[in-house]
């Protein structure tokens, strides 16, 4: 697991802990507290989903970049091989 993902997980855990502590210490009825918890949980789920989509997009872009670099390196190697082959003949 990368350092960045550990930090992101820690931030999410910290945010959830803070929200839960705030909701549970607020002077509200049980029904209101449950509604608040449900709403906050949905909000966090949406945020996590958005972040996951962003990470997926970034990973896909990185894969495309690496594929392009590999193709370039392969093309260069094949060209040099053909040049050497021509010199040998």
Protein backbone atom coordinates (compact mmCIF):
# COMPACT_ATOMS: atom_id res chain seq x y z
CA UNK A 1 0.00 0.00 0.00
CA UNK A 2 1.46 3.36 -0.99
CA UNK A 3 2.08 6.20 1.41
CA UNK A 4 -0.57 8.33 -0.31
CA UNK A 5 -3.28 5.71 0.05
CA UNK A 6 -2.40 5.23 3.73
CA UNK A 7 -2.76 8.97 4.27
CA UNK A 8 -6.10 8.99 2.42
CA UNK A 9 -7.40 6.08 4.52
CA UNK A 10 -6.25 7.83 7.68
CA UNK A 11 -7.99 11.04 6.62
CA UNK A 12 -11.24 9.19 5.94
CA UNK A 13 -11.08 7.39 9.28
CA UNK A 14 -10.38 10.67 11.05
CA UNK A 15 -13.26 12.41 9.28
CA UNK A 16 -15.67 9.59 10.10
CA UNK A 17 -14.56 9.58 13.74
CA UNK A 18 -15.05 13.34 14.00
CA UNK A 19 -18.48 13.22 12.42
CA UNK A 20 -19.61 10.38 14.64
CA UNK A 21 -18.34 12.12 17.77
CA UNK A 22 -20.07 15.34 16.76
CA UNK A 23 -23.36 13.66 16.00
CA UNK A 24 -23.37 11.55 19.15
CA UNK A 25 -22.61 14.50 21.44
CA UNK A 26 -25.20 16.80 19.87
CA UNK A 27 -28.31 17.42 22.02
CA UNK A 28 -30.84 15.78 19.70
CA UNK A 29 -33.42 13.05 19.95
CA UNK A 30 -32.49 9.50 18.99
CA UNK A 31 -34.50 9.72 15.78
CA UNK A 32 -32.77 12.96 14.73
CA UNK A 33 -29.37 11.49 15.61
CA UNK A 34 -30.03 8.35 13.54
CA UNK A 35 -31.17 10.51 10.62
CA UNK A 36 -28.03 12.63 10.91
CA UNK A 37 -25.83 9.52 11.01
CA UNK A 38 -27.61 8.09 7.97
CA UNK A 39 -27.20 11.35 6.03
CA UNK A 40 -23.53 11.70 6.94
CA UNK A 41 -22.87 8.06 6.04
CA UNK A 42 -24.46 8.60 2.62
CA UNK A 43 -22.41 11.77 2.12
CA UNK A 44 -19.19 9.94 3.01
CA UNK A 45 -20.14 7.05 0.73
CA UNK A 46 -20.62 9.49 -2.14
CA UNK A 47 -17.30 11.20 -1.42
CA UNK A 48 -15.50 7.84 -1.26
CA UNK A 49 -17.10 6.80 -4.53
CA UNK A 50 -15.96 10.04 -6.18
CA UNK A 51 -12.41 9.59 -4.88
CA UNK A 52 -12.37 5.97 -6.06
CA UNK A 53 -13.41 7.11 -9.54
CA UNK A 54 -10.66 9.75 -9.52
CA UNK A 55 -8.05 7.18 -8.48
CA UNK A 56 -9.28 4.77 -11.15
CA UNK A 57 -9.00 7.50 -13.80
CA UNK A 58 -5.48 8.40 -12.64
CA UNK A 59 -4.44 4.74 -12.67
CA UNK A 60 -5.84 4.27 -16.17
CA UNK A 61 -3.91 7.30 -17.36
CA UNK A 62 -0.71 5.96 -15.80
CA UNK A 63 -1.27 2.59 -17.50
CA UNK A 64 -1.69 4.33 -20.85
CA UNK A 65 1.51 6.31 -20.26
CA UNK A 66 3.49 3.20 -19.38
CA UNK A 67 2.08 1.32 -22.38
CA UNK A 68 3.15 4.19 -24.63
CA UNK A 69 6.65 4.25 -23.11
CA UNK A 70 6.98 0.48 -23.54
CA UNK A 71 5.86 0.70 -27.16
CA UNK A 72 8.37 3.50 -27.83
CA UNK A 73 11.19 1.51 -26.22
CA UNK A 74 10.19 -1.60 -28.18
CA UNK A 75 10.12 0.33 -31.45
CA UNK A 76 13.58 1.79 -30.75
CA UNK A 77 14.99 -1.63 -29.87
CA UNK A 78 13.55 -3.20 -33.02
CA UNK A 79 14.97 -0.36 -35.13
CA UNK A 80 18.44 -0.78 -33.62
CA UNK A 81 18.23 -4.53 -34.10
CA UNK A 82 17.35 -4.07 -37.78
CA UNK A 83 20.23 -1.59 -38.18
CA UNK A 84 22.66 -4.09 -36.67
CA UNK A 85 21.23 -6.86 -38.78
CA UNK A 86 21.77 -4.74 -41.93
CA UNK A 87 25.39 -3.99 -40.91
CA UNK A 88 26.11 -7.68 -40.39
CA UNK A 89 24.83 -8.65 -43.83
